């Protein structure tokens, strides 16, 4: 067995029956176009959402769905997955590009994606209970803080726009540049009576959040 796979399993505190799954979960498409983490990430995202959703209902049985939805969004977003990925030291293990690619160049989105793909790999290899146990343990500090409802910038801007103009913000992708393993997206956002405000991000979602945040600052509302 690959030494890195042994080290990663030790960090995860999980011994895989099929170690090919954990290797796939840390393989970026720039390293292997056919056998990479994309489908495992797709699956892991759903397992994560289901697990956290159920936990929130147990923790807040009297809370409204709208608040639960915001709590969920604050716990399963890419930023939290990135923090979890760093806690698991995934940067040391991710297979990306070629042998000359520096680990320092691995962007936050890839670390975040790998975090979700590992959940997907655990689910396939050991079932839902094992993946749920892993998620609840590694997400504990964030779940413990979930009594605070954090409203993200896109949600704030959407609520403001609906209240003021009875219409949704308009987002526009301006450009997608950079290498495949480190893309850079530029996005613009405007409301009915404003000009476009632009921002960059490592993903379209991140760029939209940044653009929304900049427009909120310009409009000067909380």
N, C-alpha and C. Protein backbone atom coordinates (compact mmCIF):
# COMPACT_ATOMS: atom_id res chain seq x y z
N UNK A 1 0.85 -1.20 0.00
CA UNK A 1 0.00 0.00 0.00
C UNK A 1 0.88 1.25 0.00
N UNK A 2 0.46 2.26 -0.76
CA UNK A 2 1.17 3.53 -0.82
C UNK A 2 1.32 4.13 0.57
N UNK A 3 2.54 4.63 0.88
CA UNK A 3 2.81 5.18 2.20
C UNK A 3 1.92 6.37 2.52
N UNK A 4 1.66 7.22 1.51
CA UNK A 4 0.80 8.39 1.71
C UNK A 4 -0.63 7.99 2.06
N UNK A 5 -1.10 6.92 1.44
CA UNK A 5 -2.45 6.42 1.73
C UNK A 5 -2.53 5.94 3.17
N UNK A 6 -1.47 5.27 3.64
CA UNK A 6 -1.42 4.82 5.04
C UNK A 6 -1.49 6.01 5.99
N UNK A 7 -0.71 7.05 5.67
CA UNK A 7 -0.68 8.25 6.52
C UNK A 7 -2.04 8.94 6.55
N UNK A 8 -2.68 9.03 5.37
CA UNK A 8 -3.98 9.70 5.30
C UNK A 8 -5.03 8.91 6.09
N UNK A 9 -5.02 7.60 5.95
CA UNK A 9 -5.98 6.78 6.70
C UNK A 9 -5.79 6.95 8.21
N UNK A 10 -4.54 7.12 8.62
CA UNK A 10 -4.25 7.32 10.04
C UNK A 10 -4.84 8.64 10.53
N UNK A 11 -4.73 9.69 9.69
CA UNK A 11 -5.30 10.99 10.04
C UNK A 11 -6.82 10.91 10.09
N UNK A 12 -7.40 10.22 9.11
CA UNK A 12 -8.86 10.07 9.04
C UNK A 12 -9.39 9.12 10.12
N UNK A 13 -8.48 8.27 10.63
CA UNK A 13 -8.84 7.23 11.60
C UNK A 13 -9.85 6.25 11.01
N UNK A 14 -9.61 5.96 9.73
CA UNK A 14 -10.46 5.01 9.00
C UNK A 14 -9.57 4.12 8.14
N UNK A 15 -9.76 2.81 8.24
CA UNK A 15 -9.04 1.86 7.38
C UNK A 15 -9.98 1.41 6.26
N UNK A 16 -9.64 1.79 5.05
CA UNK A 16 -10.49 1.48 3.90
C UNK A 16 -10.35 0.02 3.50
N UNK A 17 -11.48 -0.58 3.18
CA UNK A 17 -11.47 -1.94 2.63
C UNK A 17 -10.89 -1.89 1.21
N UNK A 18 -11.30 -0.86 0.48
CA UNK A 18 -10.82 -0.66 -0.89
C UNK A 18 -10.01 0.63 -0.93
N UNK A 19 -8.70 0.52 -0.87
CA UNK A 19 -7.86 1.72 -0.82
C UNK A 19 -7.83 2.49 -2.14
N UNK A 20 -8.31 1.84 -3.22
CA UNK A 20 -8.41 2.57 -4.50
C UNK A 20 -9.39 3.74 -4.38
N UNK A 21 -10.39 3.59 -3.52
CA UNK A 21 -11.39 4.64 -3.33
C UNK A 21 -10.78 5.89 -2.69
N UNK A 22 -9.96 5.70 -1.67
CA UNK A 22 -9.35 6.85 -1.00
C UNK A 22 -8.33 7.53 -1.92
N UNK A 23 -7.66 6.71 -2.75
CA UNK A 23 -6.71 7.29 -3.71
C UNK A 23 -7.47 8.12 -4.75
N UNK A 24 -8.60 7.61 -5.22
CA UNK A 24 -9.43 8.35 -6.18
C UNK A 24 -9.94 9.65 -5.57
N UNK A 25 -10.26 9.60 -4.27
CA UNK A 25 -10.82 10.76 -3.58
C UNK A 25 -9.84 11.92 -3.46
N UNK A 26 -8.54 11.66 -3.64
CA UNK A 26 -7.54 12.74 -3.56
C UNK A 26 -6.89 13.00 -4.92
N UNK A 27 -7.51 12.50 -5.98
CA UNK A 27 -6.95 12.67 -7.33
C UNK A 27 -7.72 13.72 -8.12
N UNK A 28 -7.04 14.80 -8.48
CA UNK A 28 -7.64 15.87 -9.27
C UNK A 28 -7.66 15.48 -10.75
N UNK A 29 -8.59 16.03 -11.50
CA UNK A 29 -8.72 15.67 -12.93
C UNK A 29 -7.50 16.06 -13.75
N UNK A 30 -6.69 17.00 -13.26
CA UNK A 30 -5.46 17.37 -13.98
C UNK A 30 -4.41 16.27 -13.85
N UNK A 31 -4.58 15.38 -12.87
CA UNK A 31 -3.67 14.25 -12.67
C UNK A 31 -4.17 13.02 -13.40
N UNK A 32 -5.49 12.82 -13.37
CA UNK A 32 -6.10 11.68 -14.06
C UNK A 32 -7.48 12.11 -14.55
N UNK A 33 -7.63 12.23 -15.85
CA UNK A 33 -8.88 12.76 -16.42
C UNK A 33 -10.06 11.81 -16.27
N UNK A 34 -9.79 10.51 -16.11
CA UNK A 34 -10.87 9.52 -16.04
C UNK A 34 -11.19 9.09 -14.61
N UNK A 35 -10.16 8.81 -13.82
CA UNK A 35 -10.38 8.32 -12.46
C UNK A 35 -9.94 9.38 -11.46
N UNK A 36 -10.87 10.30 -11.17
CA UNK A 36 -10.57 11.40 -10.25
C UNK A 36 -11.71 11.54 -9.25
N UNK A 37 -11.64 12.59 -8.44
CA UNK A 37 -12.57 12.72 -7.31
C UNK A 37 -13.94 13.32 -7.63
N UNK A 38 -14.20 13.71 -8.86
CA UNK A 38 -15.40 14.49 -9.16
C UNK A 38 -16.71 13.79 -8.75
N UNK A 39 -16.87 12.51 -9.10
CA UNK A 39 -18.11 11.81 -8.76
C UNK A 39 -18.21 11.53 -7.26
N UNK A 40 -17.07 11.25 -6.64
CA UNK A 40 -17.07 11.04 -5.19
C UNK A 40 -17.42 12.33 -4.47
N UNK A 41 -16.96 13.46 -5.01
CA UNK A 41 -17.31 14.77 -4.43
C UNK A 41 -18.81 15.01 -4.55
N UNK A 42 -19.38 14.70 -5.72
CA UNK A 42 -20.81 14.84 -5.97
C UNK A 42 -21.61 14.05 -4.93
N UNK A 43 -21.18 12.82 -4.67
CA UNK A 43 -21.85 11.97 -3.69
C UNK A 43 -21.63 12.49 -2.27
N UNK A 44 -20.38 12.83 -1.96
CA UNK A 44 -20.05 13.29 -0.61
C UNK A 44 -20.79 14.54 -0.21
N UNK A 45 -21.02 15.42 -1.17
CA UNK A 45 -21.76 16.66 -0.92
C UNK A 45 -23.17 16.34 -0.43
N UNK A 46 -23.80 15.34 -1.03
CA UNK A 46 -25.17 14.95 -0.65
C UNK A 46 -25.18 14.25 0.72
N UNK A 47 -24.20 13.41 0.97
CA UNK A 47 -24.12 12.71 2.26
C UNK A 47 -23.89 13.73 3.38
N UNK A 48 -23.02 14.69 3.12
CA UNK A 48 -22.74 15.76 4.09
C UNK A 48 -24.01 16.56 4.38
N UNK A 49 -24.72 16.96 3.32
CA UNK A 49 -25.94 17.75 3.48
C UNK A 49 -27.01 17.01 4.26
N UNK A 50 -27.19 15.71 3.96
CA UNK A 50 -28.19 14.91 4.66
C UNK A 50 -27.84 14.77 6.14
N UNK A 51 -26.58 14.48 6.42
CA UNK A 51 -26.13 14.28 7.80
C UNK A 51 -26.29 15.54 8.64
N UNK A 52 -25.85 16.67 8.10
CA UNK A 52 -25.93 17.94 8.84
C UNK A 52 -27.39 18.38 8.98
N UNK A 53 -28.20 18.17 7.95
CA UNK A 53 -29.62 18.53 8.00
C UNK A 53 -30.31 17.79 9.14
N UNK A 54 -30.08 16.49 9.22
CA UNK A 54 -30.70 15.68 10.27
C UNK A 54 -30.24 16.13 11.66
N UNK A 55 -28.95 16.44 11.78
CA UNK A 55 -28.40 16.89 13.07
C UNK A 55 -29.02 18.22 13.49
N UNK A 56 -29.21 19.13 12.55
CA UNK A 56 -29.80 20.43 12.87
C UNK A 56 -31.25 20.30 13.33
N UNK A 57 -31.99 19.39 12.71
CA UNK A 57 -33.38 19.17 13.13
C UNK A 57 -33.42 18.62 14.55
N UNK A 58 -32.45 17.76 14.88
CA UNK A 58 -32.38 17.22 16.24
C UNK A 58 -32.00 18.31 17.25
N UNK A 59 -31.07 19.18 16.87
CA UNK A 59 -30.60 20.23 17.77
C UNK A 59 -31.61 21.35 17.94
N UNK A 60 -32.36 21.67 16.85
CA UNK A 60 -33.28 22.81 16.87
C UNK A 60 -34.68 22.38 16.42
N UNK A 61 -35.35 21.55 17.22
CA UNK A 61 -36.66 21.01 16.81
C UNK A 61 -37.75 22.06 16.64
N UNK A 62 -37.58 23.22 17.28
CA UNK A 62 -38.61 24.26 17.21
C UNK A 62 -38.24 25.40 16.25
N UNK A 63 -37.13 25.26 15.56
CA UNK A 63 -36.67 26.33 14.67
C UNK A 63 -37.41 26.30 13.34
N UNK A 64 -37.59 27.47 12.74
CA UNK A 64 -38.24 27.56 11.43
C UNK A 64 -37.32 27.03 10.34
N UNK A 65 -37.95 26.56 9.25
CA UNK A 65 -37.19 25.97 8.15
C UNK A 65 -36.21 26.98 7.55
N UNK A 66 -36.63 28.24 7.42
CA UNK A 66 -35.76 29.27 6.85
C UNK A 66 -34.47 29.43 7.63
N UNK A 67 -34.57 29.38 8.96
CA UNK A 67 -33.39 29.50 9.81
C UNK A 67 -32.53 28.25 9.72
N UNK A 68 -33.18 27.08 9.69
CA UNK A 68 -32.44 25.83 9.54
C UNK A 68 -31.67 25.81 8.22
N UNK A 69 -32.30 26.34 7.19
CA UNK A 69 -31.67 26.39 5.87
C UNK A 69 -30.41 27.27 5.91
N UNK A 70 -30.48 28.39 6.61
CA UNK A 70 -29.32 29.27 6.73
C UNK A 70 -28.22 28.64 7.56
N UNK A 71 -28.61 27.94 8.61
CA UNK A 71 -27.63 27.23 9.44
C UNK A 71 -26.93 26.15 8.61
N UNK A 72 -27.72 25.43 7.81
CA UNK A 72 -27.16 24.39 6.95
C UNK A 72 -26.16 24.99 5.96
N UNK A 73 -26.56 26.10 5.33
CA UNK A 73 -25.69 26.75 4.35
C UNK A 73 -24.37 27.19 4.98
N UNK A 74 -24.43 27.59 6.25
CA UNK A 74 -23.22 28.06 6.93
C UNK A 74 -22.31 26.90 7.34
N UNK A 75 -22.84 25.67 7.32
CA UNK A 75 -22.07 24.51 7.76
C UNK A 75 -21.54 23.63 6.63
N UNK A 76 -22.14 23.72 5.45
CA UNK A 76 -21.73 22.82 4.37
C UNK A 76 -21.14 23.57 3.18
N UNK A 77 -20.83 24.85 3.35
CA UNK A 77 -20.28 25.61 2.23
C UNK A 77 -18.80 25.27 1.99
N UNK A 78 -18.27 25.76 0.89
CA UNK A 78 -16.90 25.44 0.48
C UNK A 78 -15.87 25.96 1.48
N UNK A 79 -16.16 27.07 2.12
CA UNK A 79 -15.23 27.63 3.09
C UNK A 79 -15.05 26.70 4.29
N UNK A 80 -16.16 26.14 4.80
CA UNK A 80 -16.08 25.21 5.92
C UNK A 80 -15.38 23.92 5.49
N UNK A 81 -15.72 23.42 4.30
CA UNK A 81 -15.06 22.21 3.80
C UNK A 81 -13.56 22.43 3.64
N UNK A 82 -13.18 23.65 3.25
CA UNK A 82 -11.76 23.99 3.13
C UNK A 82 -11.08 23.95 4.50
N UNK A 83 -11.75 24.49 5.51
CA UNK A 83 -11.20 24.47 6.87
C UNK A 83 -11.05 23.03 7.38
N UNK A 84 -12.05 22.21 7.09
CA UNK A 84 -11.98 20.80 7.49
C UNK A 84 -10.84 20.10 6.73
N UNK A 85 -10.74 20.41 5.43
CA UNK A 85 -9.66 19.83 4.61
C UNK A 85 -8.29 20.19 5.14
N UNK A 86 -8.13 21.41 5.61
CA UNK A 86 -6.86 21.83 6.20
C UNK A 86 -6.60 21.09 7.51
N UNK A 87 -7.65 20.91 8.29
CA UNK A 87 -7.53 20.19 9.55
C UNK A 87 -7.04 18.75 9.30
N UNK A 88 -7.50 18.18 8.17
CA UNK A 88 -7.11 16.81 7.80
C UNK A 88 -5.80 16.76 7.02
N UNK A 89 -5.19 17.94 6.81
CA UNK A 89 -3.90 18.05 6.11
C UNK A 89 -3.95 17.49 4.70
N UNK A 90 -5.08 17.67 4.02
CA UNK A 90 -5.26 17.09 2.69
C UNK A 90 -4.26 17.61 1.66
N UNK A 91 -3.78 18.83 1.87
CA UNK A 91 -2.83 19.43 0.91
C UNK A 91 -1.61 18.56 0.69
N UNK A 92 -1.22 17.81 1.71
CA UNK A 92 -0.04 16.95 1.63
C UNK A 92 -0.26 15.75 0.71
N UNK A 93 -1.52 15.39 0.50
CA UNK A 93 -1.82 14.12 -0.17
C UNK A 93 -2.44 14.26 -1.56
N UNK A 94 -3.01 15.41 -1.89
CA UNK A 94 -3.73 15.59 -3.15
C UNK A 94 -2.81 15.37 -4.35
N UNK A 95 -3.29 14.57 -5.30
CA UNK A 95 -2.56 14.30 -6.54
C UNK A 95 -3.07 15.27 -7.60
N UNK A 96 -2.17 16.12 -8.07
CA UNK A 96 -2.59 17.19 -8.99
C UNK A 96 -1.54 17.47 -10.04
N UNK A 97 -1.97 17.80 -11.26
CA UNK A 97 -1.06 18.20 -12.33
C UNK A 97 0.00 17.15 -12.61
N UNK A 98 1.25 17.59 -12.60
CA UNK A 98 2.35 16.67 -12.81
C UNK A 98 3.32 16.72 -11.64
N UNK A 99 4.40 15.98 -11.74
CA UNK A 99 5.35 15.89 -10.63
C UNK A 99 6.00 17.23 -10.28
N UNK A 100 5.97 18.15 -11.21
CA UNK A 100 6.59 19.46 -10.97
C UNK A 100 5.65 20.46 -10.31
N UNK A 101 4.38 20.08 -10.16
CA UNK A 101 3.41 20.99 -9.55
C UNK A 101 3.68 21.10 -8.06
N UNK A 102 3.83 22.31 -7.58
CA UNK A 102 4.10 22.52 -6.16
C UNK A 102 2.81 22.38 -5.36
N UNK A 103 2.91 21.74 -4.19
CA UNK A 103 1.75 21.60 -3.33
C UNK A 103 1.23 22.97 -2.89
N UNK A 104 2.13 23.95 -2.84
CA UNK A 104 1.75 25.30 -2.41
C UNK A 104 0.75 25.93 -3.37
N UNK A 105 0.69 25.41 -4.61
CA UNK A 105 -0.19 26.00 -5.62
C UNK A 105 -1.61 25.43 -5.59
N UNK A 106 -1.86 24.46 -4.71
CA UNK A 106 -3.19 23.86 -4.65
C UNK A 106 -4.18 24.86 -4.06
N UNK A 107 -5.19 25.19 -4.83
CA UNK A 107 -6.14 26.22 -4.40
C UNK A 107 -7.15 25.67 -3.40
N UNK A 108 -7.80 26.60 -2.72
CA UNK A 108 -8.73 26.23 -1.65
C UNK A 108 -9.89 25.37 -2.15
N UNK A 109 -10.38 25.64 -3.36
CA UNK A 109 -11.53 24.89 -3.89
C UNK A 109 -11.20 23.40 -4.01
N UNK A 110 -9.98 23.08 -4.43
CA UNK A 110 -9.60 21.68 -4.61
C UNK A 110 -9.54 20.98 -3.25
N UNK A 111 -9.01 21.66 -2.25
CA UNK A 111 -8.96 21.09 -0.90
C UNK A 111 -10.38 20.87 -0.39
N UNK A 112 -11.24 21.84 -0.63
CA UNK A 112 -12.65 21.74 -0.24
C UNK A 112 -13.33 20.57 -0.96
N UNK A 113 -13.11 20.45 -2.26
CA UNK A 113 -13.70 19.37 -3.05
C UNK A 113 -13.24 18.00 -2.53
N UNK A 114 -11.95 17.90 -2.22
CA UNK A 114 -11.40 16.63 -1.73
C UNK A 114 -12.01 16.24 -0.39
N UNK A 115 -12.29 17.23 0.42
CA UNK A 115 -12.94 16.96 1.70
C UNK A 115 -14.27 16.25 1.46
N UNK A 116 -15.06 16.74 0.51
CA UNK A 116 -16.35 16.12 0.19
C UNK A 116 -16.17 14.77 -0.49
N UNK A 117 -15.15 14.64 -1.35
CA UNK A 117 -14.93 13.37 -2.05
C UNK A 117 -14.53 12.26 -1.07
N UNK A 118 -13.80 12.62 -0.02
CA UNK A 118 -13.43 11.64 1.00
C UNK A 118 -14.67 11.12 1.72
N UNK A 119 -15.62 12.03 1.98
CA UNK A 119 -16.90 11.61 2.58
C UNK A 119 -17.61 10.62 1.66
N UNK A 120 -17.60 10.92 0.36
CA UNK A 120 -18.20 10.02 -0.62
C UNK A 120 -17.52 8.66 -0.64
N UNK A 121 -16.20 8.68 -0.53
CA UNK A 121 -15.42 7.43 -0.53
C UNK A 121 -15.73 6.60 0.71
N UNK A 122 -15.83 7.26 1.87
CA UNK A 122 -16.17 6.56 3.11
C UNK A 122 -17.56 5.93 3.00
N UNK A 123 -18.50 6.69 2.42
CA UNK A 123 -19.87 6.19 2.25
C UNK A 123 -19.89 4.92 1.40
N UNK A 124 -19.19 4.93 0.27
CA UNK A 124 -19.18 3.76 -0.62
C UNK A 124 -18.47 2.58 0.05
N UNK A 125 -17.37 2.87 0.73
CA UNK A 125 -16.54 1.81 1.30
C UNK A 125 -17.15 1.21 2.58
N UNK A 126 -17.77 2.05 3.41
CA UNK A 126 -18.18 1.57 4.73
C UNK A 126 -19.62 1.89 5.11
N UNK A 127 -20.36 2.55 4.23
CA UNK A 127 -21.77 2.78 4.48
C UNK A 127 -22.09 4.11 5.14
N UNK A 128 -23.39 4.38 5.27
CA UNK A 128 -23.84 5.69 5.75
C UNK A 128 -23.45 5.94 7.21
N UNK A 129 -23.59 4.94 8.07
CA UNK A 129 -23.31 5.15 9.49
C UNK A 129 -21.85 5.57 9.72
N UNK A 130 -20.94 4.97 8.99
CA UNK A 130 -19.52 5.32 9.12
C UNK A 130 -19.26 6.74 8.63
N UNK A 131 -19.88 7.10 7.51
CA UNK A 131 -19.68 8.46 6.98
C UNK A 131 -20.33 9.49 7.90
N UNK A 132 -21.49 9.15 8.46
CA UNK A 132 -22.16 10.05 9.40
C UNK A 132 -21.31 10.27 10.64
N UNK A 133 -20.76 9.20 11.18
CA UNK A 133 -19.91 9.28 12.38
C UNK A 133 -18.70 10.16 12.11
N UNK A 134 -18.10 9.99 10.93
CA UNK A 134 -16.93 10.79 10.54
C UNK A 134 -17.29 12.27 10.46
N UNK A 135 -18.40 12.57 9.79
CA UNK A 135 -18.83 13.96 9.60
C UNK A 135 -19.12 14.63 10.95
N UNK A 136 -19.90 13.98 11.78
CA UNK A 136 -20.29 14.59 13.06
C UNK A 136 -19.09 14.81 13.98
N UNK A 137 -18.09 13.96 13.86
CA UNK A 137 -16.88 14.13 14.68
C UNK A 137 -16.04 15.29 14.16
N UNK A 138 -15.80 15.32 12.86
CA UNK A 138 -14.89 16.32 12.29
C UNK A 138 -15.55 17.69 12.16
N UNK A 139 -16.88 17.72 12.11
CA UNK A 139 -17.62 18.99 12.00
C UNK A 139 -18.08 19.51 13.38
N UNK A 140 -17.74 18.82 14.45
CA UNK A 140 -18.29 19.12 15.77
C UNK A 140 -18.13 20.60 16.17
N UNK A 141 -16.93 21.15 15.99
CA UNK A 141 -16.70 22.54 16.41
C UNK A 141 -17.58 23.52 15.65
N UNK A 142 -17.86 23.22 14.39
CA UNK A 142 -18.71 24.11 13.59
C UNK A 142 -20.18 23.93 13.96
N UNK A 143 -20.58 22.69 14.22
CA UNK A 143 -21.96 22.41 14.63
C UNK A 143 -22.24 23.07 15.98
N UNK A 144 -21.24 23.02 16.87
CA UNK A 144 -21.40 23.64 18.20
C UNK A 144 -21.62 25.15 18.10
N UNK A 145 -21.14 25.75 17.01
CA UNK A 145 -21.31 27.20 16.82
C UNK A 145 -22.55 27.54 16.01
N UNK A 146 -23.34 26.53 15.65
CA UNK A 146 -24.47 26.75 14.74
C UNK A 146 -25.64 27.48 15.39
N UNK A 147 -25.56 27.70 16.70
CA UNK A 147 -26.62 28.49 17.34
C UNK A 147 -26.59 29.93 16.83
N UNK A 148 -25.43 30.32 16.26
CA UNK A 148 -25.31 31.64 15.62
C UNK A 148 -25.71 31.48 14.16
N UNK A 149 -26.70 32.21 13.73
CA UNK A 149 -27.12 32.12 12.33
C UNK A 149 -26.36 33.15 11.50
N UNK A 150 -25.51 32.65 10.62
CA UNK A 150 -24.71 33.52 9.77
C UNK A 150 -25.37 33.63 8.40
N UNK A 151 -25.70 34.84 8.00
CA UNK A 151 -26.32 35.05 6.69
C UNK A 151 -25.24 35.49 5.72
N UNK A 152 -25.06 34.73 4.65
CA UNK A 152 -24.01 35.04 3.68
C UNK A 152 -24.38 36.25 2.84
N UNK A 153 -23.38 36.80 2.15
CA UNK A 153 -23.56 38.05 1.39
C UNK A 153 -24.59 37.92 0.28
N UNK A 154 -24.61 36.80 -0.43
CA UNK A 154 -25.58 36.62 -1.51
C UNK A 154 -27.00 36.64 -0.98
N UNK A 155 -27.20 35.99 0.16
CA UNK A 155 -28.53 35.97 0.77
C UNK A 155 -28.95 37.36 1.23
N UNK A 156 -28.03 38.08 1.86
CA UNK A 156 -28.31 39.45 2.31
C UNK A 156 -28.71 40.33 1.14
N UNK A 157 -27.92 40.23 0.04
CA UNK A 157 -28.19 41.07 -1.13
C UNK A 157 -29.52 40.69 -1.76
N UNK A 158 -29.82 39.40 -1.80
CA UNK A 158 -31.08 38.94 -2.38
C UNK A 158 -32.27 39.48 -1.58
N UNK A 159 -32.19 39.37 -0.26
CA UNK A 159 -33.27 39.86 0.59
C UNK A 159 -33.48 41.37 0.42
N UNK A 160 -32.36 42.10 0.34
CA UNK A 160 -32.43 43.56 0.15
C UNK A 160 -33.07 43.89 -1.20
N UNK A 161 -32.63 43.20 -2.25
CA UNK A 161 -33.14 43.47 -3.60
C UNK A 161 -34.63 43.17 -3.70
N UNK A 162 -35.06 42.07 -3.10
CA UNK A 162 -36.49 41.71 -3.13
C UNK A 162 -37.33 42.74 -2.38
N UNK A 163 -36.79 43.22 -1.27
CA UNK A 163 -37.51 44.20 -0.46
C UNK A 163 -37.60 45.55 -1.15
N UNK A 164 -36.48 45.98 -1.77
CA UNK A 164 -36.43 47.30 -2.39
C UNK A 164 -37.02 47.35 -3.79
N UNK A 165 -36.74 46.31 -4.58
CA UNK A 165 -37.09 46.36 -6.02
C UNK A 165 -38.02 45.24 -6.49
N UNK A 166 -38.35 44.31 -5.57
CA UNK A 166 -39.19 43.16 -5.94
C UNK A 166 -38.57 42.35 -7.08
N UNK A 167 -37.23 42.32 -7.11
CA UNK A 167 -36.53 41.54 -8.14
C UNK A 167 -35.22 41.00 -7.56
N UNK A 168 -34.71 39.96 -8.20
CA UNK A 168 -33.47 39.33 -7.73
C UNK A 168 -32.23 40.04 -8.28
N UNK A 169 -31.10 39.95 -7.59
CA UNK A 169 -29.84 40.49 -8.13
C UNK A 169 -29.49 39.78 -9.44
N UNK A 170 -28.78 40.48 -10.30
CA UNK A 170 -28.36 39.90 -11.58
C UNK A 170 -26.86 39.62 -11.51
N UNK A 171 -26.48 38.36 -11.69
CA UNK A 171 -25.07 37.97 -11.70
C UNK A 171 -24.63 37.66 -13.12
N UNK A 172 -23.40 38.03 -13.44
CA UNK A 172 -22.89 37.81 -14.79
C UNK A 172 -21.44 37.34 -14.72
N UNK A 173 -21.14 36.19 -15.36
CA UNK A 173 -19.77 35.71 -15.42
C UNK A 173 -19.01 36.50 -16.48
N UNK A 174 -17.94 37.17 -16.07
CA UNK A 174 -17.18 38.03 -16.99
C UNK A 174 -16.04 37.26 -17.64
N UNK A 175 -15.30 36.48 -16.84
CA UNK A 175 -14.17 35.74 -17.40
C UNK A 175 -13.81 34.54 -16.55
N UNK A 176 -13.14 33.59 -17.18
CA UNK A 176 -12.63 32.39 -16.51
C UNK A 176 -11.21 32.18 -17.01
N UNK A 177 -10.23 32.53 -16.19
CA UNK A 177 -8.84 32.47 -16.61
C UNK A 177 -8.03 31.58 -15.67
N UNK A 178 -6.76 31.40 -15.99
CA UNK A 178 -5.87 30.61 -15.15
C UNK A 178 -5.85 29.15 -15.56
N UNK A 179 -4.89 28.37 -15.02
CA UNK A 179 -4.78 26.94 -15.35
C UNK A 179 -5.94 26.15 -14.76
N UNK A 180 -6.13 24.93 -15.23
CA UNK A 180 -7.27 24.10 -14.80
C UNK A 180 -7.25 23.83 -13.30
N UNK A 181 -6.04 23.67 -12.74
CA UNK A 181 -5.97 23.36 -11.31
C UNK A 181 -6.05 24.59 -10.43
N UNK A 182 -5.99 25.78 -11.06
CA UNK A 182 -6.07 27.02 -10.28
C UNK A 182 -6.81 28.10 -11.07
N UNK A 183 -8.10 27.89 -11.34
CA UNK A 183 -8.85 28.85 -12.16
C UNK A 183 -9.15 30.15 -11.40
N UNK A 184 -9.41 31.19 -12.16
CA UNK A 184 -9.77 32.48 -11.57
C UNK A 184 -11.01 32.99 -12.30
N UNK A 185 -12.07 33.19 -11.55
CA UNK A 185 -13.34 33.63 -12.12
C UNK A 185 -13.59 35.10 -11.76
N UNK A 186 -14.09 35.85 -12.74
CA UNK A 186 -14.49 37.23 -12.50
C UNK A 186 -15.99 37.32 -12.72
N UNK A 187 -16.69 37.84 -11.73
CA UNK A 187 -18.15 37.89 -11.77
C UNK A 187 -18.62 39.31 -11.46
N UNK A 188 -19.68 39.71 -12.12
CA UNK A 188 -20.30 41.01 -11.84
C UNK A 188 -21.69 40.81 -11.26
N UNK A 189 -22.13 41.75 -10.42
CA UNK A 189 -23.48 41.69 -9.88
C UNK A 189 -24.08 43.10 -9.85
N UNK A 190 -25.37 43.19 -10.12
CA UNK A 190 -26.06 44.48 -10.07
C UNK A 190 -27.49 44.28 -9.59
N UNK A 191 -28.04 45.35 -9.07
CA UNK A 191 -29.47 45.37 -8.75
C UNK A 191 -30.17 46.22 -9.79
N UNK A 192 -31.46 46.37 -9.64
CA UNK A 192 -32.27 47.07 -10.64
C UNK A 192 -31.75 48.48 -10.91
N UNK A 193 -31.36 49.21 -9.86
CA UNK A 193 -30.94 50.61 -10.03
C UNK A 193 -29.46 50.85 -9.74
N UNK A 194 -28.62 49.82 -9.94
CA UNK A 194 -27.18 49.99 -9.72
C UNK A 194 -26.39 49.57 -10.95
N UNK A 195 -25.13 49.94 -10.97
CA UNK A 195 -24.22 49.46 -12.00
C UNK A 195 -23.60 48.15 -11.53
N UNK A 196 -22.97 47.43 -12.44
CA UNK A 196 -22.31 46.18 -12.08
C UNK A 196 -21.12 46.45 -11.16
N UNK A 197 -20.98 45.62 -10.14
CA UNK A 197 -19.81 45.61 -9.28
C UNK A 197 -19.11 44.27 -9.51
N UNK A 198 -17.78 44.31 -9.64
CA UNK A 198 -17.04 43.10 -10.02
C UNK A 198 -16.15 42.59 -8.90
N UNK A 199 -15.93 41.26 -8.92
CA UNK A 199 -15.02 40.64 -7.94
C UNK A 199 -14.51 39.33 -8.52
N UNK A 200 -13.39 38.88 -7.97
CA UNK A 200 -12.76 37.63 -8.43
C UNK A 200 -12.90 36.55 -7.36
N UNK A 201 -12.76 35.29 -7.79
CA UNK A 201 -12.79 34.18 -6.85
C UNK A 201 -12.26 32.92 -7.48
N UNK A 202 -11.95 31.92 -6.64
CA UNK A 202 -11.42 30.65 -7.14
C UNK A 202 -12.52 29.75 -7.71
N UNK A 203 -13.77 30.14 -7.52
CA UNK A 203 -14.91 29.45 -8.12
C UNK A 203 -15.97 30.51 -8.42
N UNK A 204 -16.95 30.15 -9.23
CA UNK A 204 -18.02 31.10 -9.55
C UNK A 204 -18.77 31.49 -8.27
N UNK A 205 -19.03 30.51 -7.41
CA UNK A 205 -19.74 30.79 -6.15
C UNK A 205 -18.96 31.77 -5.28
N UNK A 206 -17.65 31.53 -5.15
CA UNK A 206 -16.83 32.43 -4.34
C UNK A 206 -16.80 33.84 -4.91
N UNK A 207 -16.70 33.92 -6.24
CA UNK A 207 -16.67 35.23 -6.91
C UNK A 207 -18.00 35.94 -6.72
N UNK A 208 -19.10 35.21 -6.79
CA UNK A 208 -20.42 35.81 -6.58
C UNK A 208 -20.57 36.33 -5.15
N UNK A 209 -20.08 35.55 -4.18
CA UNK A 209 -20.14 35.99 -2.79
C UNK A 209 -19.33 37.27 -2.59
N UNK A 210 -18.14 37.31 -3.20
CA UNK A 210 -17.28 38.49 -3.07
C UNK A 210 -17.91 39.71 -3.73
N UNK A 211 -18.51 39.50 -4.92
CA UNK A 211 -19.15 40.60 -5.62
C UNK A 211 -20.35 41.12 -4.83
N UNK A 212 -21.13 40.20 -4.26
CA UNK A 212 -22.27 40.59 -3.44
C UNK A 212 -21.82 41.38 -2.22
N UNK A 213 -20.73 40.93 -1.61
CA UNK A 213 -20.19 41.63 -0.44
C UNK A 213 -19.75 43.04 -0.79
N UNK A 214 -19.11 43.20 -1.97
CA UNK A 214 -18.66 44.53 -2.40
C UNK A 214 -19.83 45.46 -2.68
N UNK A 215 -20.89 44.91 -3.28
CA UNK A 215 -22.07 45.74 -3.58
C UNK A 215 -22.79 46.15 -2.29
N UNK A 216 -22.83 45.24 -1.32
CA UNK A 216 -23.42 45.57 0.00
C UNK A 216 -22.67 46.74 0.64
N UNK A 217 -21.33 46.68 0.56
CA UNK A 217 -20.51 47.77 1.12
C UNK A 217 -20.83 49.10 0.43
N UNK A 218 -20.97 49.02 -0.89
CA UNK A 218 -21.23 50.23 -1.67
C UNK A 218 -22.63 50.81 -1.35
N UNK A 219 -23.59 49.90 -1.13
CA UNK A 219 -24.95 50.35 -0.81
C UNK A 219 -25.09 50.72 0.67
N UNK A 220 -24.11 50.30 1.45
CA UNK A 220 -24.03 50.68 2.87
C UNK A 220 -25.26 50.23 3.68
N UNK A 221 -25.54 48.91 3.61
CA UNK A 221 -26.59 48.38 4.47
C UNK A 221 -26.05 47.10 5.12
N UNK A 222 -26.60 46.72 6.26
CA UNK A 222 -26.14 45.53 6.98
C UNK A 222 -27.17 44.41 6.82
